[in-house]
Amino acid sequence: MLGPVLLTASRSARTRAAVEGFGPTRKVVDRFVAGETTAEGVAASRDLAAGGLAVTVDHLGEDVTDLAGARAVRDAYLELVTGLAPLADPARGGAAGRAEVSVKLSALGQALGQSLGRSGGQGVDGHDIAERHVTEIAEAADAAGVRVNVDMEDHTTIDSTLAITNRLRERFPTVASVLQANLHRTESDVADLAAAGARVRLVKGAYKEPASVAFQDKADVDAAYRRHVATLMASSATPLVATHDPAMIELAVATAVAARREPSSWELQMLYGIRTDLQRVHADAGRTVRVYVPYGTDWYGYFMRRLAERPANVAFFLKALATG
């Protein structure tokens, strides 16, 4: 019952102000967020890479409501790509595919309205703005040898996000899509991306969604996740299995073996600061393990979704507050 409450709170300005204003919160946030600056995000990524882990780095932010803010996020990613380039450059001790950036289109202007301006007499809307900004990021990333992952947000943005990502993939084939197992529509989306041979990051889903579009019971979400893993492993796609659930991880390993997949043809993905023991076990076993590394000052929404995902995270938070 606590999870839905926390997901609702993740979109509450009032709760955000209370949590951000409470001093002891920061030391808990530091477990899940790799600092506030690009330099700190890159440093954390470098440390992980030195331990044999791959990274995808997220400049935190979402639901940007002004054009200047969307441009600022784009510029932050351009700086981040430059910082990550050495991790992807074999000549500088890096490795191809080691570094990735994860981008939320709502941070790049996806939600902006048509009143922002006109070009050639045609309305300029948020979809176009976000596509232009993420294309600029993808161009810079491609030049640096850094891959791009386009994150998925709530269900109202999916059609726009998939359309933009599919067009990006025409120029940059390694661009990854994210699909959420809790949504009813994902069955069809998985089939489409599997047939296209895309890189697909599969998550369970971290947004509060209505029953009309999403499974509400954990057992149903888990069953959908298992089906989608099987579909992706049996296809020419590159499955990016994002979970901390040991049972789901073992299922992915077994399914990959049954499909006779090479270790390089799929990945396990986990969040920064969560189940580092599992990260190490599977990296040592020769599997690609990619850590999702968030950084930045706009950490509130991300942090609240991490609390909602696992009761253990809430207990950790409350203990830290009590001792802080």
C-alpha atoms as a PDB file:
ATOM      1  CA  MET A   1       0.000   0.000   0.000  1.00  0.00           C
ATOM      2  CA  LEU A   2       2.912   2.371   0.662  1.00  0.00           C
ATOM      3  CA  GLY A   3       4.196   2.249  -2.917  1.00  0.00           C
ATOM      4  CA  PRO A   4       1.197   4.027  -4.538  1.00  0.00           C
ATOM      5  CA  VAL A   5       1.305   6.702  -1.823  1.00  0.00           C
ATOM      6  CA  LEU A   6       4.963   7.407  -2.543  1.00  0.00           C
ATOM      7  CA  LEU A   7       4.358   7.471  -6.298  1.00  0.00           C
ATOM      8  CA  THR A   8       1.619  10.051  -5.783  1.00  0.00           C
ATOM      9  CA  ALA A   9       3.974  12.043  -3.545  1.00  0.00           C
ATOM     10  CA  SER A  10       6.619  11.994  -6.292  1.00  0.00           C
ATOM     11  CA  ARG A  11       4.396  14.428  -8.267  1.00  0.00           C
ATOM     12  CA  SER A  12       3.394  16.577  -5.259  1.00  0.00           C
ATOM     13  CA  ALA A  13       4.978  20.037  -5.033  1.00  0.00           C
ATOM     14  CA  ARG A  14       4.029  20.304  -1.362  1.00  0.00           C
ATOM     15  CA  THR A  15       5.636  16.992  -0.402  1.00  0.00           C
ATOM     16  CA  ARG A  16       8.649  17.846  -2.542  1.00  0.00           C
ATOM     17  CA  ALA A  17       9.245  21.069  -0.620  1.00  0.00           C
ATOM     18  CA  ALA A  18       9.007  19.245   2.715  1.00  0.00           C
ATOM     19  CA  VAL A  19      11.374  16.434   1.727  1.00  0.00           C
ATOM     20  CA  GLU A  20      13.940  18.686   0.035  1.00  0.00           C
ATOM     21  CA  GLY A  21      13.903  21.082   2.964  1.00  0.00           C
ATOM     22  CA  PHE A  22      14.635  18.425   5.566  1.00  0.00           C
ATOM     23  CA  GLY A  23      18.391  18.308   6.177  1.00  0.00           C
ATOM     24  CA  PRO A  24      18.911  14.594   6.951  1.00  0.00           C
ATOM     25  CA  THR A  25      17.300  13.621   3.624  1.00  0.00           C
ATOM     26  CA  ARG A  26      20.522  14.464   1.805  1.00  0.00           C
ATOM     27  CA  LYS A  27      22.599  11.649   3.271  1.00  0.00           C
ATOM     28  CA  VAL A  28      19.947   9.153   2.165  1.00  0.00           C
ATOM     29  CA  VAL A  29      19.788  10.654  -1.310  1.00  0.00           C
ATOM     30  CA  ASP A  30      23.548  10.221  -1.608  1.00  0.00           C
ATOM     31  CA  ARG A  31      23.047   6.456  -1.583  1.00  0.00           C
ATOM     32  CA  PHE A  32      21.013   6.621  -4.798  1.00  0.00           C
ATOM     33  CA  VAL A  33      22.356   9.762  -6.533  1.00  0.00           C
ATOM     34  CA  ALA A  34      25.993  10.184  -7.625  1.00  0.00           C
ATOM     35  CA  GLY A  35      26.348  13.869  -6.738  1.00  0.00           C
ATOM     36  CA  GLU A  36      24.982  17.103  -8.153  1.00  0.00           C
ATOM     37  CA  THR A  37      27.510  18.085 -10.843  1.00  0.00           C
ATOM     38  CA  THR A  38      28.552  16.579 -14.157  1.00  0.00           C
ATOM     39  CA  ALA A  39      32.053  16.098 -12.751  1.00  0.00           C
ATOM     40  CA  GLU A  40      30.635  14.020  -9.889  1.00  0.00           C
ATOM     41  CA  GLY A  41      28.480  11.936 -12.237  1.00  0.00           C
ATOM     42  CA  VAL A  42      31.457  11.264 -14.504  1.00  0.00           C
ATOM     43  CA  ALA A  43      33.715  10.434 -11.542  1.00  0.00           C
ATOM     44  CA  ALA A  44      31.220   7.875 -10.213  1.00  0.00           C
ATOM     45  CA  SER A  45      30.946   6.379 -13.701  1.00  0.00           C
ATOM     46  CA  ARG A  46      34.719   6.165 -14.006  1.00  0.00           C
ATOM     47  CA  ASP A  47      34.924   4.304 -10.695  1.00  0.00           C
ATOM     48  CA  LEU A  48      32.276   1.812 -11.796  1.00  0.00           C
ATOM     49  CA  ALA A  49      33.984   1.290 -15.147  1.00  0.00           C
ATOM     50  CA  ALA A  50      37.280   0.613 -13.372  1.00  0.00           C
ATOM     51  CA  GLY A  51      35.487  -2.238 -11.592  1.00  0.00           C
ATOM     52  CA  GLY A  52      34.341  -3.811 -14.863  1.00  0.00           C
ATOM     53  CA  LEU A  53      30.830  -2.345 -14.929  1.00  0.00           C
ATOM     54  CA  ALA A  54      29.193  -0.467 -17.791  1.00  0.00           C
ATOM     55  CA  VAL A  55      27.211   2.721 -17.099  1.00  0.00           C
ATOM     56  CA  THR A  56      24.254   4.702 -18.344  1.00  0.00           C
ATOM     57  CA  VAL A  57      24.209   8.194 -16.863  1.00  0.00           C
ATOM     58  CA  ASP A  58      21.107  10.287 -16.226  1.00  0.00           C
ATOM     59  CA  HIS A  59      21.185  14.052 -15.714  1.00  0.00           C
ATOM     60  CA  LEU A  60      18.195  14.211 -13.377  1.00  0.00           C
ATOM     61  CA  GLY A  61      15.199  16.279 -14.338  1.00  0.00           C
ATOM     62  CA  GLU A  62      11.741  15.855 -15.845  1.00  0.00           C
ATOM     63  CA  ASP A  63       8.573  17.754 -16.724  1.00  0.00           C
ATOM     64  CA  VAL A  64      10.407  20.882 -17.877  1.00  0.00           C
ATOM     65  CA  THR A  65       7.843  23.589 -18.653  1.00  0.00           C
ATOM     66  CA  ASP A  66       9.888  26.295 -20.386  1.00  0.00           C
ATOM     67  CA  LEU A  67      12.080  26.377 -23.471  1.00  0.00           C
ATOM     68  CA  ALA A  68      15.085  27.820 -21.655  1.00  0.00           C
ATOM     69  CA  GLY A  69      14.969  24.957 -19.179  1.00  0.00           C
ATOM     70  CA  ALA A  70      14.793  22.373 -21.979  1.00  0.00           C
ATOM     71  CA  ARG A  71      17.794  23.943 -23.675  1.00  0.00           C
ATOM     72  CA  ALA A  72      19.700  23.913 -20.389  1.00  0.00           C
ATOM     73  CA  VAL A  73      19.085  20.159 -20.053  1.00  0.00           C
ATOM     74  CA  ARG A  74      20.284  19.613 -23.623  1.00  0.00           C
ATOM     75  CA  ASP A  75      23.445  21.572 -22.854  1.00  0.00           C
ATOM     76  CA  ALA A  76      24.017  19.558 -19.676  1.00  0.00           C
ATOM     77  CA  TYR A  77      23.886  16.339 -21.726  1.00  0.00           C
ATOM     78  CA  LEU A  78      26.315  17.725 -24.287  1.00  0.00           C
ATOM     79  CA  GLU A  79      28.727  18.424 -21.434  1.00  0.00           C
ATOM     80  CA  LEU A  80      28.096  14.962 -19.997  1.00  0.00           C
ATOM     81  CA  VAL A  81      28.825  13.251 -23.331  1.00  0.00           C
ATOM     82  CA  THR A  82      32.180  15.017 -23.484  1.00  0.00           C
ATOM     83  CA  GLY A  83      32.985  13.868 -19.959  1.00  0.00           C
ATOM     84  CA  LEU A  84      32.080  10.248 -20.717  1.00  0.00           C
ATOM     85  CA  ALA A  85      33.977  10.033 -24.010  1.00  0.00           C
ATOM     86  CA  PRO A  86      37.182   8.587 -22.458  1.00  0.00           C
ATOM     87  CA  LEU A  87      35.198   5.622 -21.081  1.00  0.00           C
ATOM     88  CA  ALA A  88      34.168   4.738 -24.636  1.00  0.00           C
ATOM     89  CA  ASP A  89      37.570   5.297 -26.264  1.00  0.00           C
ATOM     90  CA  PRO A  90      39.835   2.208 -26.352  1.00  0.00           C
ATOM     91  CA  ALA A  91      42.814   4.451 -27.132  1.00  0.00           C
ATOM     92  CA  ARG A  92      42.297   6.121 -23.738  1.00  0.00           C
ATOM     93  CA  GLY A  93      41.716   2.947 -21.764  1.00  0.00           C
ATOM     94  CA  GLY A  94      37.984   2.783 -22.392  1.00  0.00           C
ATOM     95  CA  ALA A  95      35.839   0.220 -24.184  1.00  0.00           C
ATOM     96  CA  ALA A  96      33.174   0.396 -26.865  1.00  0.00           C
ATOM     97  CA  GLY A  97      29.708   0.276 -25.302  1.00  0.00           C
ATOM     98  CA  ARG A  98      31.014   1.046 -21.826  1.00  0.00           C
ATOM     99  CA  ALA A  99      29.314   4.455 -21.579  1.00  0.00           C
ATOM    100  CA  GLU A 100      25.740   5.499 -22.278  1.00  0.00           C
ATOM    101  CA  VAL A 101      23.478   8.426 -21.404  1.00  0.00           C
ATOM    102  CA  SER A 102      19.834   8.056 -20.402  1.00  0.00           C
ATOM    103  CA  VAL A 103      17.551  10.890 -21.486  1.00  0.00           C
ATOM    104  CA  LYS A 104      13.992  11.786 -20.478  1.00  0.00           C
ATOM    105  CA  LEU A 105      12.169  13.602 -23.262  1.00  0.00           C
ATOM    106  CA  SER A 106       9.996  15.531 -20.798  1.00  0.00           C
ATOM    107  CA  ALA A 107      13.219  17.193 -19.626  1.00  0.00           C
ATOM    108  CA  LEU A 108      13.951  18.246 -23.211  1.00  0.00           C
ATOM    109  CA  GLY A 109      10.638  20.017 -23.803  1.00  0.00           C
ATOM    110  CA  GLN A 110       8.221  17.228 -24.735  1.00  0.00           C
ATOM    111  CA  ALA A 111       5.412  18.727 -22.646  1.00  0.00           C
ATOM    112  CA  LEU A 112       5.724  22.274 -24.000  1.00  0.00           C
ATOM    113  CA  GLY A 113       2.700  23.678 -25.805  1.00  0.00           C
ATOM    114  CA  GLN A 114       2.284  25.099 -29.289  1.00  0.00           C
ATOM    115  CA  SER A 115       2.238  28.682 -28.003  1.00  0.00           C
ATOM    116  CA  LEU A 116       6.029  28.789 -27.736  1.00  0.00           C
ATOM    117  CA  GLY A 117       6.563  30.074 -31.236  1.00  0.00           C
ATOM    118  CA  ARG A 118       6.121  29.593 -34.951  1.00  0.00           C
ATOM    119  CA  SER A 119       8.401  28.494 -37.739  1.00  0.00           C
ATOM    120  CA  GLY A 120       7.302  29.153 -41.289  1.00  0.00           C
ATOM    121  CA  GLY A 121       3.784  29.768 -40.042  1.00  0.00           C
ATOM    122  CA  GLN A 122       3.542  26.328 -38.437  1.00  0.00           C
ATOM    123  CA  GLY A 123       3.100  25.748 -34.723  1.00  0.00           C
ATOM    124  CA  VAL A 124       6.141  24.450 -32.853  1.00  0.00           C
ATOM    125  CA  ASP A 125       5.126  21.876 -30.259  1.00  0.00           C
ATOM    126  CA  GLY A 126       6.870  19.994 -27.483  1.00  0.00           C
ATOM    127  CA  HIS A 127       7.259  16.800 -29.471  1.00  0.00           C
ATOM    128  CA  ASP A 128       9.261  18.643 -32.134  1.00  0.00           C
ATOM    129  CA  ILE A 129      11.334  20.509 -29.563  1.00  0.00           C
ATOM    130  CA  ALA A 130      12.210  17.330 -27.674  1.00  0.00           C
ATOM    131  CA  GLU A 131      13.084  15.518 -30.903  1.00  0.00           C
ATOM    132  CA  ARG A 132      15.387  18.318 -31.985  1.00  0.00           C
ATOM    133  CA  HIS A 133      17.154  18.407 -28.616  1.00  0.00           C
ATOM    134  CA  VAL A 134      17.596  14.643 -28.292  1.00  0.00           C
ATOM    135  CA  THR A 135      18.862  14.471 -31.880  1.00  0.00           C
ATOM    136  CA  GLU A 136      21.543  17.005 -31.017  1.00  0.00           C
ATOM    137  CA  ILE A 137      22.510  14.888 -28.021  1.00  0.00           C
ATOM    138  CA  ALA A 138      22.576  11.719 -30.145  1.00  0.00           C
ATOM    139  CA  GLU A 139      24.806  13.389 -32.739  1.00  0.00           C
ATOM    140  CA  ALA A 140      27.311  14.449 -30.086  1.00  0.00           C
ATOM    141  CA  ALA A 141      27.131  11.046 -28.403  1.00  0.00           C
ATOM    142  CA  ASP A 142      27.744   9.217 -31.667  1.00  0.00           C
ATOM    143  CA  ALA A 143      30.842  11.322 -32.338  1.00  0.00           C
ATOM    144  CA  ALA A 144      32.120  10.490 -28.834  1.00  0.00           C
ATOM    145  CA  GLY A 145      31.357   6.755 -29.014  1.00  0.00           C
ATOM    146  CA  VAL A 146      28.709   7.095 -26.297  1.00  0.00           C
ATOM    147  CA  ARG A 147      25.344   5.367 -26.692  1.00  0.00           C
ATOM    148  CA  VAL A 148      21.926   6.908 -25.993  1.00  0.00           C
ATOM    149  CA  ASN A 149      19.058   5.390 -24.043  1.00  0.00           C
ATOM    150  CA  VAL A 150      15.662   7.168 -24.259  1.00  0.00           C
ATOM    151  CA  ASP A 151      13.814   6.655 -20.987  1.00  0.00           C
ATOM    152  CA  MET A 152      10.091   6.017 -20.831  1.00  0.00           C
ATOM    153  CA  GLU A 153       7.822   8.054 -18.582  1.00  0.00           C
ATOM    154  CA  ASP A 154       4.093   7.889 -17.827  1.00  0.00           C
ATOM    155  CA  HIS A 155       1.713   6.310 -20.328  1.00  0.00           C
ATOM    156  CA  THR A 156       0.543   9.613 -21.827  1.00  0.00           C
ATOM    157  CA  THR A 157       3.999  10.175 -23.369  1.00  0.00           C
ATOM    158  CA  ILE A 158       4.616   6.725 -24.864  1.00  0.00           C
ATOM    159  CA  ASP A 159       3.459   7.264 -28.443  1.00  0.00           C
ATOM    160  CA  SER A 160       5.515  10.443 -28.747  1.00  0.00           C
ATOM    161  CA  THR A 161       8.561   8.852 -27.113  1.00  0.00           C
ATOM    162  CA  LEU A 162       8.499   5.716 -29.277  1.00  0.00           C
ATOM    163  CA  ALA A 163       8.022   7.763 -32.457  1.00  0.00           C
ATOM    164  CA  ILE A 164      11.039   9.929 -31.644  1.00  0.00           C
ATOM    165  CA  THR A 165      13.172   6.974 -30.593  1.00  0.00           C
ATOM    166  CA  ASN A 166      12.313   4.973 -33.709  1.00  0.00           C
ATOM    167  CA  ARG A 167      13.344   7.891 -35.913  1.00  0.00           C
ATOM    168  CA  LEU A 168      16.588   8.317 -33.973  1.00  0.00           C
ATOM    169  CA  ARG A 169      17.341   4.640 -34.497  1.00  0.00           C
ATOM    170  CA  GLU A 170      17.268   5.139 -38.270  1.00  0.00           C
ATOM    171  CA  ARG A 171      20.450   7.213 -37.920  1.00  0.00           C
ATOM    172  CA  PHE A 172      21.858   5.730 -34.726  1.00  0.00           C
ATOM    173  CA  PRO A 173      21.009   1.998 -34.557  1.00  0.00           C
ATOM    174  CA  THR A 174      22.267   1.530 -30.980  1.00  0.00           C
ATOM    175  CA  VAL A 175      19.749   3.978 -29.483  1.00  0.00           C
ATOM    176  CA  ALA A 176      17.789   2.025 -26.861  1.00  0.00           C
ATOM    177  CA  SER A 177      14.086   2.166 -26.025  1.00  0.00           C
ATOM    178  CA  VAL A 178      12.621   1.532 -22.591  1.00  0.00           C
ATOM    179  CA  LEU A 179       9.449  -0.508 -22.110  1.00  0.00           C
ATOM    180  CA  GLN A 180       7.468  -0.958 -18.886  1.00  0.00           C
ATOM    181  CA  ALA A 181       6.079  -4.404 -18.109  1.00  0.00           C
ATOM    182  CA  ASN A 182       3.218  -3.057 -15.996  1.00  0.00           C
ATOM    183  CA  LEU A 183       1.479  -1.513 -19.022  1.00  0.00           C
ATOM    184  CA  HIS A 184      -1.069  -3.515 -21.017  1.00  0.00           C
ATOM    185  CA  ARG A 185       0.202  -2.138 -24.330  1.00  0.00           C
ATOM    186  CA  THR A 186       3.756  -3.370 -23.773  1.00  0.00           C
ATOM    187  CA  GLU A 187       2.957  -6.820 -25.202  1.00  0.00           C
ATOM    188  CA  SER A 188       2.531  -5.206 -28.609  1.00  0.00           C
ATOM    189  CA  ASP A 189       5.427  -2.750 -28.181  1.00  0.00           C
ATOM    190  CA  VAL A 190       7.821  -5.570 -27.235  1.00  0.00           C
ATOM    191  CA  ALA A 191       6.807  -7.527 -30.324  1.00  0.00           C
ATOM    192  CA  ASP A 192       7.396  -4.495 -32.565  1.00  0.00           C
ATOM    193  CA  LEU A 193      10.832  -3.676 -31.138  1.00  0.00           C
ATOM    194  CA  ALA A 194      11.866  -7.341 -31.056  1.00  0.00           C
ATOM    195  CA  ALA A 195      11.034  -7.639 -34.753  1.00  0.00           C
ATOM    196  CA  ALA A 196      13.065  -4.478 -35.426  1.00  0.00           C
ATOM    197  CA  GLY A 197      16.109  -5.906 -33.639  1.00  0.00           C
ATOM    198  CA  ALA A 198      16.292  -2.908 -31.303  1.00  0.00           C
ATOM    199  CA  ARG A 199      18.098  -2.491 -28.012  1.00  0.00           C
ATOM    200  CA  VAL A 200      15.293  -2.671 -25.411  1.00  0.00           C
ATOM    201  CA  ARG A 201      15.594  -1.828 -21.737  1.00  0.00           C
ATOM    202  CA  LEU A 202      12.832  -3.736 -19.940  1.00  0.00           C
ATOM    203  CA  VAL A 203      11.680  -2.394 -16.563  1.00  0.00           C
ATOM    204  CA  LYS A 204       8.706  -3.227 -14.390  1.00  0.00           C
ATOM    205  CA  GLY A 205       7.437   0.375 -14.315  1.00  0.00           C
ATOM    206  CA  ALA A 206       7.915   3.105 -11.722  1.00  0.00           C
ATOM    207  CA  TYR A 207       4.944   5.426 -12.396  1.00  0.00           C
ATOM    208  CA  LYS A 208       1.516   5.362 -10.797  1.00  0.00           C
ATOM    209  CA  GLU A 209      -0.791   4.330 -13.634  1.00  0.00           C
ATOM    210  CA  PRO A 210      -4.569   3.704 -13.728  1.00  0.00           C
ATOM    211  CA  ALA A 211      -6.027   0.201 -14.036  1.00  0.00           C
ATOM    212  CA  SER A 212      -7.305   1.071 -17.495  1.00  0.00           C
ATOM    213  CA  VAL A 213      -3.728   1.036 -18.844  1.00  0.00           C
ATOM    214  CA  ALA A 214      -1.669  -0.917 -16.314  1.00  0.00           C
ATOM    215  CA  PHE A 215      -1.647  -4.057 -14.204  1.00  0.00           C
ATOM    216  CA  GLN A 216      -2.208  -3.235 -10.544  1.00  0.00           C
ATOM    217  CA  ASP A 217      -1.100  -6.530  -8.955  1.00  0.00           C
ATOM    218  CA  LYS A 218       2.570  -7.389  -8.572  1.00  0.00           C
ATOM    219  CA  ALA A 219       1.961 -10.973  -9.701  1.00  0.00           C
ATOM    220  CA  ASP A 220       0.525  -9.743 -13.007  1.00  0.00           C
ATOM    221  CA  VAL A 221       3.461  -7.374 -13.553  1.00  0.00           C
ATOM    222  CA  ASP A 222       5.934 -10.168 -12.795  1.00  0.00           C
ATOM    223  CA  ALA A 223       4.179 -12.525 -15.209  1.00  0.00           C
ATOM    224  CA  ALA A 224       4.281  -9.879 -17.936  1.00  0.00           C
ATOM    225  CA  TYR A 225       7.964  -9.233 -17.271  1.00  0.00           C
ATOM    226  CA  ARG A 226       8.755 -12.935 -17.680  1.00  0.00           C
ATOM    227  CA  ARG A 227       6.853 -13.063 -20.990  1.00  0.00           C
ATOM    228  CA  HIS A 228       8.666 -10.024 -22.322  1.00  0.00           C
ATOM    229  CA  VAL A 229      12.092 -11.389 -21.346  1.00  0.00           C
ATOM    230  CA  ALA A 230      11.299 -14.579 -23.253  1.00  0.00           C
ATOM    231  CA  THR A 231      10.132 -12.645 -26.332  1.00  0.00           C
ATOM    232  CA  LEU A 232      13.239 -10.461 -26.422  1.00  0.00           C
ATOM    233  CA  MET A 233      15.682 -13.309 -25.810  1.00  0.00           C
ATOM    234  CA  ALA A 234      14.152 -15.301 -28.680  1.00  0.00           C
ATOM    235  CA  SER A 235      14.486 -12.391 -31.105  1.00  0.00           C
ATOM    236  CA  SER A 236      17.281 -10.462 -32.810  1.00  0.00           C
ATOM    237  CA  ALA A 237      16.850  -7.630 -30.311  1.00  0.00           C
ATOM    238  CA  THR A 238      19.356  -6.803 -27.588  1.00  0.00           C
ATOM    239  CA  PRO A 239      17.560  -7.339 -24.257  1.00  0.00           C
ATOM    240  CA  LEU A 240      18.598  -4.947 -21.476  1.00  0.00           C
ATOM    241  CA  VAL A 241      17.081  -6.662 -18.449  1.00  0.00           C
ATOM    242  CA  ALA A 242      16.669  -3.999 -15.770  1.00  0.00           C
ATOM    243  CA  THR A 243      15.792  -5.552 -12.417  1.00  0.00           C
ATOM    244  CA  HIS A 244      17.115  -6.180  -8.913  1.00  0.00           C
ATOM    245  CA  ASP A 245      14.867  -9.207  -8.408  1.00  0.00           C
ATOM    246  CA  PRO A 246      17.143 -12.270  -8.074  1.00  0.00           C
ATOM    247  CA  ALA A 247      14.428 -14.549  -9.449  1.00  0.00           C
ATOM    248  CA  MET A 248      14.018 -12.399 -12.564  1.00  0.00           C
ATOM    249  CA  ILE A 249      17.779 -12.218 -13.010  1.00  0.00           C
ATOM    250  CA  GLU A 250      18.107 -15.997 -12.825  1.00  0.00           C
ATOM    251  CA  LEU A 251      15.236 -16.318 -15.295  1.00  0.00           C
ATOM    252  CA  ALA A 252      17.047 -13.973 -17.698  1.00  0.00           C
ATOM    253  CA  VAL A 253      20.293 -15.927 -17.362  1.00  0.00           C
ATOM    254  CA  ALA A 254      18.539 -19.249 -17.959  1.00  0.00           C
ATOM    255  CA  THR A 255      16.555 -17.888 -20.915  1.00  0.00           C
ATOM    256  CA  ALA A 256      19.717 -16.469 -22.497  1.00  0.00           C
ATOM    257  CA  VAL A 257      21.462 -19.821 -22.136  1.00  0.00           C
ATOM    258  CA  ALA A 258      18.484 -21.645 -23.646  1.00  0.00           C
ATOM    259  CA  ALA A 259      18.489 -19.200 -26.566  1.00  0.00           C
ATOM    260  CA  ARG A 260      22.243 -19.812 -26.998  1.00  0.00           C
ATOM    261  CA  ARG A 261      22.984 -16.127 -26.658  1.00  0.00           C
ATOM    262  CA  GLU A 262      26.524 -14.854 -26.300  1.00  0.00           C
ATOM    263  CA  PRO A 263      27.111 -12.834 -23.099  1.00  0.00           C
ATOM    264  CA  SER A 264      27.728  -9.727 -25.226  1.00  0.00           C
ATOM    265  CA  SER A 265      24.279  -9.979 -26.849  1.00  0.00           C
ATOM    266  CA  TRP A 266      22.318  -8.916 -23.776  1.00  0.00           C
ATOM    267  CA  GLU A 267      22.740  -7.007 -20.502  1.00  0.00           C
ATOM    268  CA  LEU A 268      21.673  -6.899 -16.904  1.00  0.00           C
ATOM    269  CA  GLN A 269      20.970  -3.371 -15.684  1.00  0.00           C
ATOM    270  CA  MET A 270      20.707  -2.151 -12.091  1.00  0.00           C
ATOM    271  CA  LEU A 271      20.443   1.178 -10.326  1.00  0.00           C
ATOM    272  CA  TYR A 272      23.301   3.026  -8.681  1.00  0.00           C
ATOM    273  CA  GLY A 273      23.515   2.144  -4.995  1.00  0.00           C
ATOM    274  CA  ILE A 274      21.085  -0.785  -5.120  1.00  0.00           C
ATOM    275  CA  ARG A 275      22.101  -4.464  -4.920  1.00  0.00           C
ATOM    276  CA  THR A 276      25.774  -3.774  -5.517  1.00  0.00           C
ATOM    277  CA  ASP A 277      26.382  -7.344  -4.377  1.00  0.00           C
ATOM    278  CA  LEU A 278      24.393  -8.700  -7.333  1.00  0.00           C
ATOM    279  CA  GLN A 279      26.128  -6.287  -9.690  1.00  0.00           C
ATOM    280  CA  ARG A 280      29.488  -7.682  -8.628  1.00  0.00           C
ATOM    281  CA  VAL A 281      28.422 -11.351  -8.769  1.00  0.00           C
ATOM    282  CA  HIS A 282      27.153 -11.138 -12.326  1.00  0.00           C
ATOM    283  CA  ALA A 283      29.984  -8.956 -13.622  1.00  0.00           C
ATOM    284  CA  ASP A 284      32.460 -11.454 -12.176  1.00  0.00           C
ATOM    285  CA  ALA A 285      30.558 -14.213 -13.983  1.00  0.00           C
ATOM    286  CA  GLY A 286      31.353 -12.514 -17.302  1.00  0.00           C
ATOM    287  CA  ARG A 287      27.982 -10.892 -17.929  1.00  0.00           C
ATOM    288  CA  THR A 288      27.547  -7.289 -18.993  1.00  0.00           C
ATOM    289  CA  VAL A 289      26.175  -5.360 -16.025  1.00  0.00           C
ATOM    290  CA  ARG A 290      25.246  -1.738 -16.660  1.00  0.00           C
ATOM    291  CA  VAL A 291      24.639   0.600 -13.733  1.00  0.00           C
ATOM    292  CA  TYR A 292      22.122   3.440 -14.106  1.00  0.00           C
ATOM    293  CA  VAL A 293      23.946   6.449 -12.626  1.00  0.00           C
ATOM    294  CA  PRO A 294      21.775   9.493 -11.833  1.00  0.00           C
ATOM    295  CA  TYR A 295      23.209  12.858 -10.827  1.00  0.00           C
ATOM    296  CA  GLY A 296      22.017  16.445 -10.515  1.00  0.00           C
ATOM    297  CA  THR A 297      20.102  18.775  -8.237  1.00  0.00           C
ATOM    298  CA  ASP A 298      16.608  17.780  -9.439  1.00  0.00           C
ATOM    299  CA  TRP A 299      16.633  14.455  -7.601  1.00  0.00           C
ATOM    300  CA  TYR A 300      13.243  14.467  -5.867  1.00  0.00           C
ATOM    301  CA  GLY A 301      11.064  12.548  -8.374  1.00  0.00           C
ATOM    302  CA  TYR A 302      13.721   9.911  -8.962  1.00  0.00           C
ATOM    303  CA  PHE A 303      14.338   9.493  -5.225  1.00  0.00           C
ATOM    304  CA  MET A 304      10.656   9.028  -4.368  1.00  0.00           C
ATOM    305  CA  ARG A 305      10.238   6.375  -7.074  1.00  0.00           C
ATOM    306  CA  ARG A 306      13.199   4.452  -5.637  1.00  0.00           C
ATOM    307  CA  LEU A 307      11.537   4.500  -2.205  1.00  0.00           C
ATOM    308  CA  ALA A 308       8.282   3.271  -3.738  1.00  0.00           C
ATOM    309  CA  GLU A 309       9.925   0.298  -5.440  1.00  0.00           C
ATOM    310  CA  ARG A 310      11.207  -1.532  -2.366  1.00  0.00           C
ATOM    311  CA  PRO A 311      10.089  -1.475   1.297  1.00  0.00           C
ATOM    312  CA  ALA A 312      13.747  -1.925   2.263  1.00  0.00           C
ATOM    313  CA  ASN A 313      14.497   1.482   0.769  1.00  0.00           C
ATOM    314  CA  VAL A 314      11.806   3.107   2.920  1.00  0.00           C
ATOM    315  CA  ALA A 315      13.185   1.411   6.033  1.00  0.00           C
ATOM    316  CA  PHE A 316      16.672   2.664   5.145  1.00  0.00           C
ATOM    317  CA  PHE A 317      15.309   6.180   4.692  1.00  0.00           C
ATOM    318  CA  LEU A 318      13.428   6.207   7.987  1.00  0.00           C
ATOM    319  CA  LYS A 319      16.409   4.823   9.899  1.00  0.00           C
ATOM    320  CA  ALA A 320      18.673   7.505   8.464  1.00  0.00           C
ATOM    321  CA  LEU A 321      16.197  10.223   9.368  1.00  0.00           C
ATOM    322  CA  ALA A 322      15.893   8.886  12.916  1.00  0.00           C
ATOM    323  CA  THR A 323      19.666   8.900  13.393  1.00  0.00           C
ATOM    324  CA  GLY A 324      20.268  12.137  11.517  1.00  0.00           C
END
